Amino acid sequence: MKSTQSNIFQRLLNGEAVPFSDKEYSKIGDACSETRKLLVLLNNEADLEKVRHYLSQIFGIAVSESVTVFPPFHINYGKNTSIGKNVFINFGCTILDLGGVIIEDKVMIAPNVNILSEGHPILPNERQVLTTGKIYIKKNVWIGANATILQGVTIGENSVVASGAVVSKDVPDNVIVGGIPAKIIKTI
């Protein structure tokens, strides 16, 4: 029998909208509190090996020694994030991963990037609901400073997201996107 915690997290990972009134909703806060305890340690660490150690605990899987993350780093849950090899994440990255975040090999993430697999409905009477959508960042992507990647988006292989862009729709392979909302600027 599955535990209650894995049930609500699996529901969110599957893209189910979960109202704040859901009887299991408090499990999210409990799990995120545990992650924040590890983030306090990670964000006060200068040694990259120790940073990877805390990341491995947060993600629940070993992080490759080829991964570099510069603190501060922020993530709400962690267990729904997968990170490849030779990934570089600069200062101030924020990941909300209840909907799932996959970061493939050789991805470069500049300072202050937001990767948000979670959101809420637009209508005020429906807003007290958590919605999710998996984010998939394919191989060799470069995400510029202060960019935001929204729920349900795939960034195609070798593509570049310009600084300050807000990506709300899928990005094909081998393009540069920029603006709010992000649009294709150039083919690589």
Protein backbone atom coordinates (compact mmCIF):
# COMPACT_ATOMS: atom_id res chain seq x y z
CA MET A 1 0.00 0.00 0.00
CA LYS A 2 1.34 3.46 -0.94
CA SER A 3 1.80 6.05 1.74
CA THR A 4 -0.36 9.16 1.79
CA GLN A 5 2.67 11.32 1.07
CA SER A 6 3.66 9.49 -2.09
CA ASN A 7 0.02 9.57 -3.19
CA ILE A 8 -0.31 13.38 -3.19
CA PHE A 9 3.15 13.83 -4.72
CA GLN A 10 2.38 11.30 -7.44
CA ARG A 11 -0.92 13.07 -8.13
CA LEU A 12 0.92 16.38 -8.56
CA LEU A 13 3.61 14.74 -10.70
CA ASN A 14 0.82 13.32 -12.88
CA GLY A 15 -0.51 16.86 -13.42
CA GLU A 16 -3.56 16.62 -11.18
CA ALA A 17 -4.81 19.96 -9.84
CA VAL A 18 -4.96 19.77 -6.05
CA PRO A 19 -7.09 22.21 -4.02
CA PHE A 20 -5.68 23.67 -0.82
CA SER A 21 -8.59 21.97 0.99
CA ASP A 22 -7.39 18.48 -0.05
CA LYS A 23 -7.05 16.29 3.03
CA GLU A 24 -3.44 15.43 2.07
CA TYR A 25 -2.33 18.98 1.26
CA SER A 26 -0.45 19.44 4.55
CA LYS A 27 1.97 16.71 3.44
CA ILE A 28 3.38 19.17 0.90
CA GLY A 29 4.29 21.67 3.61
CA ASP A 30 5.83 18.97 5.78
CA ALA A 31 8.05 17.70 2.94
CA CYS A 32 9.05 21.23 1.90
CA SER A 33 10.06 21.99 5.50
CA GLU A 34 12.44 19.03 5.43
CA THR A 35 13.94 20.31 2.18
CA ARG A 36 14.39 23.80 3.65
CA LYS A 37 16.45 22.31 6.51
CA LEU A 38 18.87 20.86 3.96
CA LEU A 39 18.89 24.11 1.98
CA VAL A 40 20.09 26.00 5.06
CA LEU A 41 23.13 23.71 5.13
CA LEU A 42 23.67 23.81 1.35
CA ASN A 43 23.38 27.60 1.14
CA ASN A 44 25.98 28.08 3.86
CA GLU A 45 28.51 25.83 2.12
CA ALA A 46 31.39 26.94 -0.12
CA ASP A 47 32.81 23.48 -0.87
CA LEU A 48 31.25 22.17 -4.12
CA GLU A 49 31.61 18.55 -3.04
CA LYS A 50 29.53 19.29 0.06
CA VAL A 51 27.01 21.25 -2.04
CA ARG A 52 26.58 18.16 -4.25
CA HIS A 53 26.19 16.01 -1.10
CA TYR A 54 23.27 18.17 0.10
CA LEU A 55 21.79 18.25 -3.41
CA SER A 56 21.87 14.46 -3.49
CA GLN A 57 19.95 14.38 -0.20
CA ILE A 58 17.42 16.91 -1.49
CA PHE A 59 16.92 15.10 -4.81
CA GLY A 60 16.96 11.64 -3.25
CA ILE A 61 19.49 10.43 -5.84
CA ALA A 62 23.24 10.87 -6.29
CA VAL A 63 24.27 14.02 -8.14
CA SER A 64 27.15 13.62 -10.59
CA GLU A 65 30.49 15.07 -9.53
CA SER A 66 30.43 16.94 -12.86
CA VAL A 67 27.50 19.10 -11.62
CA THR A 68 28.27 22.59 -10.30
CA VAL A 69 25.73 24.60 -8.33
CA PHE A 70 26.62 27.97 -6.82
CA PRO A 71 24.61 28.85 -3.71
CA PRO A 72 22.27 30.36 -2.94
CA PHE A 73 20.04 27.72 -4.49
CA HIS A 74 16.33 27.41 -3.75
CA ILE A 75 13.99 24.48 -4.28
CA ASN A 76 10.71 23.69 -2.58
CA TYR A 77 10.58 19.87 -2.69
CA GLY A 78 13.49 18.36 -4.62
CA LYS A 79 12.41 14.76 -5.06
CA ASN A 80 10.79 15.57 -8.43
CA THR A 81 13.96 17.04 -9.95
CA SER A 82 16.34 15.08 -12.14
CA ILE A 83 19.70 16.59 -13.09
CA GLY A 84 22.13 15.27 -15.70
CA LYS A 85 25.91 15.45 -16.01
CA ASN A 86 28.04 18.53 -16.68
CA VAL A 87 25.24 20.85 -15.55
CA PHE A 88 26.14 24.33 -14.30
CA ILE A 89 23.67 26.32 -12.17
CA ASN A 90 24.74 29.82 -11.18
CA PHE A 91 23.77 31.89 -8.11
CA GLY A 92 20.14 32.42 -7.16
CA CYS A 93 18.37 29.67 -9.09
CA THR A 94 14.85 28.85 -7.86
CA ILE A 95 13.11 25.59 -8.74
CA LEU A 96 9.54 24.67 -7.85
CA ASP A 97 9.44 20.99 -8.76
CA LEU A 98 6.18 19.45 -7.53
CA GLY A 99 5.20 19.05 -11.22
CA GLY A 100 8.58 17.58 -12.13
CA VAL A 101 11.75 19.14 -13.55
CA ILE A 102 14.15 17.26 -15.82
CA ILE A 103 17.48 18.92 -16.59
CA GLU A 104 19.55 16.94 -19.07
CA ASP A 105 23.34 16.92 -19.61
CA LYS A 106 25.41 20.02 -20.38
CA VAL A 107 22.73 22.54 -19.40
CA MET A 108 23.94 25.97 -18.30
CA ILE A 109 21.71 28.09 -16.07
CA ALA A 110 22.70 31.72 -15.45
CA PRO A 111 22.06 33.71 -12.25
CA ASN A 112 18.56 34.25 -10.88
CA VAL A 113 16.72 31.82 -13.16
CA ASN A 114 13.26 30.60 -12.08
CA ILE A 115 12.09 27.12 -13.12
CA LEU A 116 8.47 26.86 -11.98
CA SER A 117 6.55 23.62 -12.56
CA GLU A 118 3.72 24.90 -10.36
CA GLY A 119 1.05 27.57 -10.59
CA HIS A 120 -2.55 28.47 -9.89
CA PRO A 121 -5.67 29.06 -12.00
CA ILE A 122 -6.38 32.61 -13.17
CA LEU A 123 -9.98 32.94 -11.93
CA PRO A 124 -10.10 34.26 -8.34
CA ASN A 125 -12.66 31.72 -7.13
CA GLU A 126 -10.46 28.87 -8.45
CA ARG A 127 -7.07 30.23 -7.36
CA GLN A 128 -6.77 28.20 -4.13
CA VAL A 129 -5.66 25.21 -6.22
CA LEU A 130 -2.15 24.01 -7.01
CA THR A 131 -1.63 23.13 -10.68
CA THR A 132 1.48 21.49 -12.12
CA GLY A 133 3.16 20.71 -15.41
CA LYS A 134 6.49 18.96 -15.99
CA ILE A 135 9.39 21.06 -17.25
CA TYR A 136 11.88 19.36 -19.54
CA ILE A 137 15.19 21.10 -20.31
CA LYS A 138 17.01 19.12 -22.98
CA LYS A 139 20.75 18.67 -23.59
CA ASN A 140 23.09 21.60 -24.10
CA VAL A 141 20.53 24.32 -23.32
CA TRP A 142 21.69 27.72 -22.07
CA ILE A 143 19.24 29.72 -19.98
CA GLY A 144 20.18 33.39 -19.57
CA ALA A 145 20.08 35.45 -16.39
CA ASN A 146 16.71 36.30 -14.85
CA ALA A 147 14.78 34.05 -17.25
CA THR A 148 11.63 32.29 -16.06
CA ILE A 149 10.50 28.88 -17.32
CA LEU A 150 6.82 28.17 -16.60
CA GLN A 151 5.00 24.90 -15.97
CA GLY A 152 4.57 22.37 -18.74
CA VAL A 153 7.35 23.74 -20.96
CA THR A 154 10.00 21.79 -22.88
CA ILE A 155 13.17 23.63 -23.93
CA GLY A 156 14.61 21.92 -27.02
CA GLU A 157 18.14 20.62 -27.38
CA ASN A 158 20.91 23.21 -27.97
CA SER A 159 18.49 26.13 -27.58
CA VAL A 160 19.17 29.41 -25.80
CA VAL A 161 16.72 31.31 -23.62
CA ALA A 162 17.69 34.99 -23.59
CA SER A 163 18.14 36.88 -20.36
CA GLY A 164 14.87 38.10 -18.87
CA ALA A 165 12.68 35.90 -21.07
CA VAL A 166 9.48 34.34 -19.78
CA VAL A 167 8.98 30.96 -21.46
CA SER A 168 5.35 29.85 -21.41
CA LYS A 169 5.35 27.58 -24.48
CA ASP A 170 7.61 24.82 -25.78
CA VAL A 171 10.86 25.86 -27.44
CA PRO A 172 12.07 23.81 -30.43
CA ASP A 173 15.62 22.48 -30.77
CA ASN A 174 18.38 24.80 -31.99
CA VAL A 175 16.78 28.23 -31.55
CA ILE A 176 17.21 31.38 -29.49
CA VAL A 177 14.08 32.65 -27.75
CA GLY A 178 13.58 35.92 -25.91
CA GLY A 179 10.99 38.38 -24.69
CA ILE A 180 7.80 38.25 -22.65
CA PRO A 181 6.30 35.93 -23.64
CA ALA A 182 9.34 34.29 -25.24
CA LYS A 183 9.32 34.01 -29.03
CA ILE A 184 11.84 32.61 -31.48
CA ILE A 185 14.44 35.25 -32.34
CA LYS A 186 16.84 33.17 -34.39
CA THR A 187 17.66 29.65 -35.52
CA ILE A 188 21.08 28.40 -34.46
